[in-house]
Amino acid sequence: MHAFDILGDPVRRRILELIADDERSAGDIAAVVQDEFGITQPAVSQHLRVLRDAGFATVRPEGTRRLYIVDPGPLREVDVWIERYRRYWNESFDSLAEHLATVQGKRPPKTTAKRRVKR
């Protein structure tokens, strides 16, 4: 599965948010996701499995519980891929900042984009 196929699902994105900062048990994750999305525990388990199989999450057993946490590796790969497009939104933010400065009668701020693309 491609990273964006995995991240494109709102349930999987929510699970990643839940496990981004600390380990959480499968039961805790299921309780939140079931409440928010109205899906069954087996459906939550399937999403956890997809995240685990794709490398976005790791799991470790602790007694009868399974604890999940984000594995940052695949997210770094996504960030590297997105980096080439980041300049486009930086340019948009720079243009907005320049416009706001002009409207407010202030000096425009320095731009953050590495280079301007002529359109």
C-alpha atoms as a PDB file:
ATOM      1  CA  MET A   1       0.000   0.000   0.000  1.00  0.00           C
ATOM      2  CA  HIS A   2       1.224   3.486  -0.833  1.00  0.00           C
ATOM      3  CA  ALA A   3       1.767   5.875   2.088  1.00  0.00           C
ATOM      4  CA  PHE A   4      -0.922   8.254   0.859  1.00  0.00           C
ATOM      5  CA  ASP A   5      -3.422   5.399   0.603  1.00  0.00           C
ATOM      6  CA  ILE A   6      -2.797   4.728   4.262  1.00  0.00           C
ATOM      7  CA  LEU A   7      -2.827   8.381   5.331  1.00  0.00           C
ATOM      8  CA  GLY A   8      -5.874   9.106   3.178  1.00  0.00           C
ATOM      9  CA  ASP A   9      -8.164   7.238   5.549  1.00  0.00           C
ATOM     10  CA  PRO A  10      -9.504   9.456   8.365  1.00  0.00           C
ATOM     11  CA  VAL A  11      -9.664   6.573  10.846  1.00  0.00           C
ATOM     12  CA  ARG A  12      -6.004   5.721  10.317  1.00  0.00           C
ATOM     13  CA  ARG A  13      -5.019   9.390  10.569  1.00  0.00           C
ATOM     14  CA  ARG A  14      -6.906   9.620  13.874  1.00  0.00           C
ATOM     15  CA  ILE A  15      -5.180   6.498  15.172  1.00  0.00           C
ATOM     16  CA  LEU A  16      -1.809   8.010  14.284  1.00  0.00           C
ATOM     17  CA  GLU A  17      -2.784  11.163  16.182  1.00  0.00           C
ATOM     18  CA  LEU A  18      -3.665   9.054  19.209  1.00  0.00           C
ATOM     19  CA  ILE A  19      -0.347   7.207  19.222  1.00  0.00           C
ATOM     20  CA  ALA A  20       1.912  10.052  18.077  1.00  0.00           C
ATOM     21  CA  ASP A  21       3.181  11.079  21.496  1.00  0.00           C
ATOM     22  CA  ASP A  22       2.912   7.978  23.632  1.00  0.00           C
ATOM     23  CA  GLU A  23       2.059   4.299  23.567  1.00  0.00           C
ATOM     24  CA  ARG A  24      -1.616   3.439  23.803  1.00  0.00           C
ATOM     25  CA  SER A  25      -3.246   0.096  24.189  1.00  0.00           C
ATOM     26  CA  ALA A  26      -5.332  -1.351  21.389  1.00  0.00           C
ATOM     27  CA  GLY A  27      -8.326  -1.219  23.740  1.00  0.00           C
ATOM     28  CA  ASP A  28      -7.851   2.507  24.435  1.00  0.00           C
ATOM     29  CA  ILE A  29      -7.464   3.236  20.737  1.00  0.00           C
ATOM     30  CA  ALA A  30     -10.537   1.167  19.883  1.00  0.00           C
ATOM     31  CA  ALA A  31     -12.655   2.933  22.502  1.00  0.00           C
ATOM     32  CA  VAL A  32     -11.833   6.390  21.120  1.00  0.00           C
ATOM     33  CA  VAL A  33     -12.139   5.435  17.463  1.00  0.00           C
ATOM     34  CA  GLN A  34     -15.360   3.475  17.954  1.00  0.00           C
ATOM     35  CA  ASP A  35     -16.898   6.452  19.738  1.00  0.00           C
ATOM     36  CA  GLU A  36     -15.752   9.002  17.157  1.00  0.00           C
ATOM     37  CA  PHE A  37     -16.357   7.000  13.971  1.00  0.00           C
ATOM     38  CA  GLY A  38     -19.028   4.507  14.995  1.00  0.00           C
ATOM     39  CA  ILE A  39     -17.090   1.492  13.718  1.00  0.00           C
ATOM     40  CA  THR A  40     -16.679  -1.926  15.296  1.00  0.00           C
ATOM     41  CA  GLN A  41     -13.732  -3.193  17.311  1.00  0.00           C
ATOM     42  CA  PRO A  42     -12.753  -5.628  14.508  1.00  0.00           C
ATOM     43  CA  ALA A  43     -12.702  -2.691  12.065  1.00  0.00           C
ATOM     44  CA  VAL A  44     -10.391  -0.756  14.400  1.00  0.00           C
ATOM     45  CA  SER A  45      -8.179  -3.837  14.673  1.00  0.00           C
ATOM     46  CA  GLN A  46      -7.980  -4.002  10.885  1.00  0.00           C
ATOM     47  CA  HIS A  47      -6.872  -0.353  10.705  1.00  0.00           C
ATOM     48  CA  LEU A  48      -4.228  -1.024  13.354  1.00  0.00           C
ATOM     49  CA  ARG A  49      -3.014  -3.974  11.331  1.00  0.00           C
ATOM     50  CA  VAL A  50      -2.755  -1.875   8.156  1.00  0.00           C
ATOM     51  CA  LEU A  51      -0.724   0.753  10.035  1.00  0.00           C
ATOM     52  CA  ARG A  52       1.513  -1.911  11.540  1.00  0.00           C
ATOM     53  CA  ASP A  53       2.016  -3.825   8.273  1.00  0.00           C
ATOM     54  CA  ALA A  54       2.863  -0.600   6.416  1.00  0.00           C
ATOM     55  CA  GLY A  55       5.388   0.375   9.086  1.00  0.00           C
ATOM     56  CA  PHE A  56       3.533   3.447  10.392  1.00  0.00           C
ATOM     57  CA  ALA A  57       3.056   1.906  13.834  1.00  0.00           C
ATOM     58  CA  THR A  58       4.866  -0.557  16.015  1.00  0.00           C
ATOM     59  CA  VAL A  59       3.291  -2.804  18.597  1.00  0.00           C
ATOM     60  CA  ARG A  60       4.704  -4.457  21.659  1.00  0.00           C
ATOM     61  CA  PRO A  61       2.990  -6.913  23.934  1.00  0.00           C
ATOM     62  CA  GLU A  62       2.658  -6.148  27.613  1.00  0.00           C
ATOM     63  CA  GLY A  63       0.897  -9.022  29.312  1.00  0.00           C
ATOM     64  CA  THR A  64      -2.452  -9.386  27.571  1.00  0.00           C
ATOM     65  CA  ARG A  65      -2.353  -5.845  26.155  1.00  0.00           C
ATOM     66  CA  ARG A  66      -0.883  -4.686  22.869  1.00  0.00           C
ATOM     67  CA  LEU A  67       0.695  -1.235  22.987  1.00  0.00           C
ATOM     68  CA  TYR A  68       0.948   0.824  19.799  1.00  0.00           C
ATOM     69  CA  ILE A  69       3.125   3.833  18.990  1.00  0.00           C
ATOM     70  CA  VAL A  70       3.995   5.705  15.798  1.00  0.00           C
ATOM     71  CA  ASP A  71       7.050   4.598  13.857  1.00  0.00           C
ATOM     72  CA  PRO A  72       8.346   7.859  12.337  1.00  0.00           C
ATOM     73  CA  GLY A  73      10.239   6.230   9.440  1.00  0.00           C
ATOM     74  CA  PRO A  74       7.442   6.201   6.850  1.00  0.00           C
ATOM     75  CA  LEU A  75       6.349   9.697   7.917  1.00  0.00           C
ATOM     76  CA  ARG A  76       9.876  10.975   7.229  1.00  0.00           C
ATOM     77  CA  GLU A  77       9.652   9.463   3.758  1.00  0.00           C
ATOM     78  CA  VAL A  78       6.356  11.277   3.181  1.00  0.00           C
ATOM     79  CA  ASP A  79       7.925  14.529   4.408  1.00  0.00           C
ATOM     80  CA  VAL A  80      10.861  14.113   2.004  1.00  0.00           C
ATOM     81  CA  TRP A  81       8.440  13.567  -0.877  1.00  0.00           C
ATOM     82  CA  ILE A  82       6.345  16.597   0.111  1.00  0.00           C
ATOM     83  CA  GLU A  83       9.419  18.833   0.480  1.00  0.00           C
ATOM     84  CA  ARG A  84       9.626  19.477  -3.270  1.00  0.00           C
ATOM     85  CA  TYR A  85       6.124  20.986  -3.163  1.00  0.00           C
ATOM     86  CA  ARG A  86       6.522  22.991   0.044  1.00  0.00           C
ATOM     87  CA  ARG A  87       7.782  26.021  -1.881  1.00  0.00           C
ATOM     88  CA  TYR A  88       4.363  26.437  -3.476  1.00  0.00           C
ATOM     89  CA  TRP A  89       2.578  27.013  -0.212  1.00  0.00           C
ATOM     90  CA  ASN A  90       5.502  29.088   1.117  1.00  0.00           C
ATOM     91  CA  GLU A  91       5.050  31.367  -1.883  1.00  0.00           C
ATOM     92  CA  SER A  92       1.338  31.630  -1.163  1.00  0.00           C
ATOM     93  CA  PHE A  93       2.018  32.565   2.456  1.00  0.00           C
ATOM     94  CA  ASP A  94       4.635  35.094   1.330  1.00  0.00           C
ATOM     95  CA  SER A  95       2.160  36.663  -1.085  1.00  0.00           C
ATOM     96  CA  LEU A  96      -0.471  36.847   1.643  1.00  0.00           C
ATOM     97  CA  ALA A  97       1.999  38.452   4.069  1.00  0.00           C
ATOM     98  CA  GLU A  98       3.008  41.005   1.419  1.00  0.00           C
ATOM     99  CA  HIS A  99      -0.635  41.811   0.681  1.00  0.00           C
ATOM    100  CA  LEU A 100      -1.493  42.227   4.358  1.00  0.00           C
ATOM    101  CA  ALA A 101       1.531  44.487   4.879  1.00  0.00           C
ATOM    102  CA  THR A 102       0.484  46.631   1.921  1.00  0.00           C
ATOM    103  CA  VAL A 103      -3.095  46.875   3.176  1.00  0.00           C
ATOM    104  CA  GLN A 104      -1.872  47.800   6.657  1.00  0.00           C
ATOM    105  CA  GLY A 105       0.668  50.300   5.280  1.00  0.00           C
ATOM    106  CA  LYS A 106       3.662  48.382   6.619  1.00  0.00           C
ATOM    107  CA  ARG A 107       6.874  47.258   5.002  1.00  0.00           C
ATOM    108  CA  PRO A 108       6.484  43.760   3.486  1.00  0.00           C
ATOM    109  CA  PRO A 109       8.295  40.992   5.421  1.00  0.00           C
ATOM    110  CA  LYS A 110      11.184  39.032   3.975  1.00  0.00           C
ATOM    111  CA  THR A 111      10.011  36.049   1.943  1.00  0.00           C
ATOM    112  CA  THR A 112      10.586  32.467   3.059  1.00  0.00           C
ATOM    113  CA  ALA A 113      10.373  30.858  -0.370  1.00  0.00           C
ATOM    114  CA  LYS A 114      13.737  29.872  -1.782  1.00  0.00           C
ATOM    115  CA  ARG A 115      12.863  31.216  -5.202  1.00  0.00           C
ATOM    116  CA  ARG A 116       9.881  32.732  -6.868  1.00  0.00           C
ATOM    117  CA  VAL A 117       8.187  30.887  -9.704  1.00  0.00           C
ATOM    118  CA  LYS A 118       7.064  33.174 -12.522  1.00  0.00           C
ATOM    119  CA  ARG A 119       3.510  32.494 -13.553  1.00  0.00           C
END
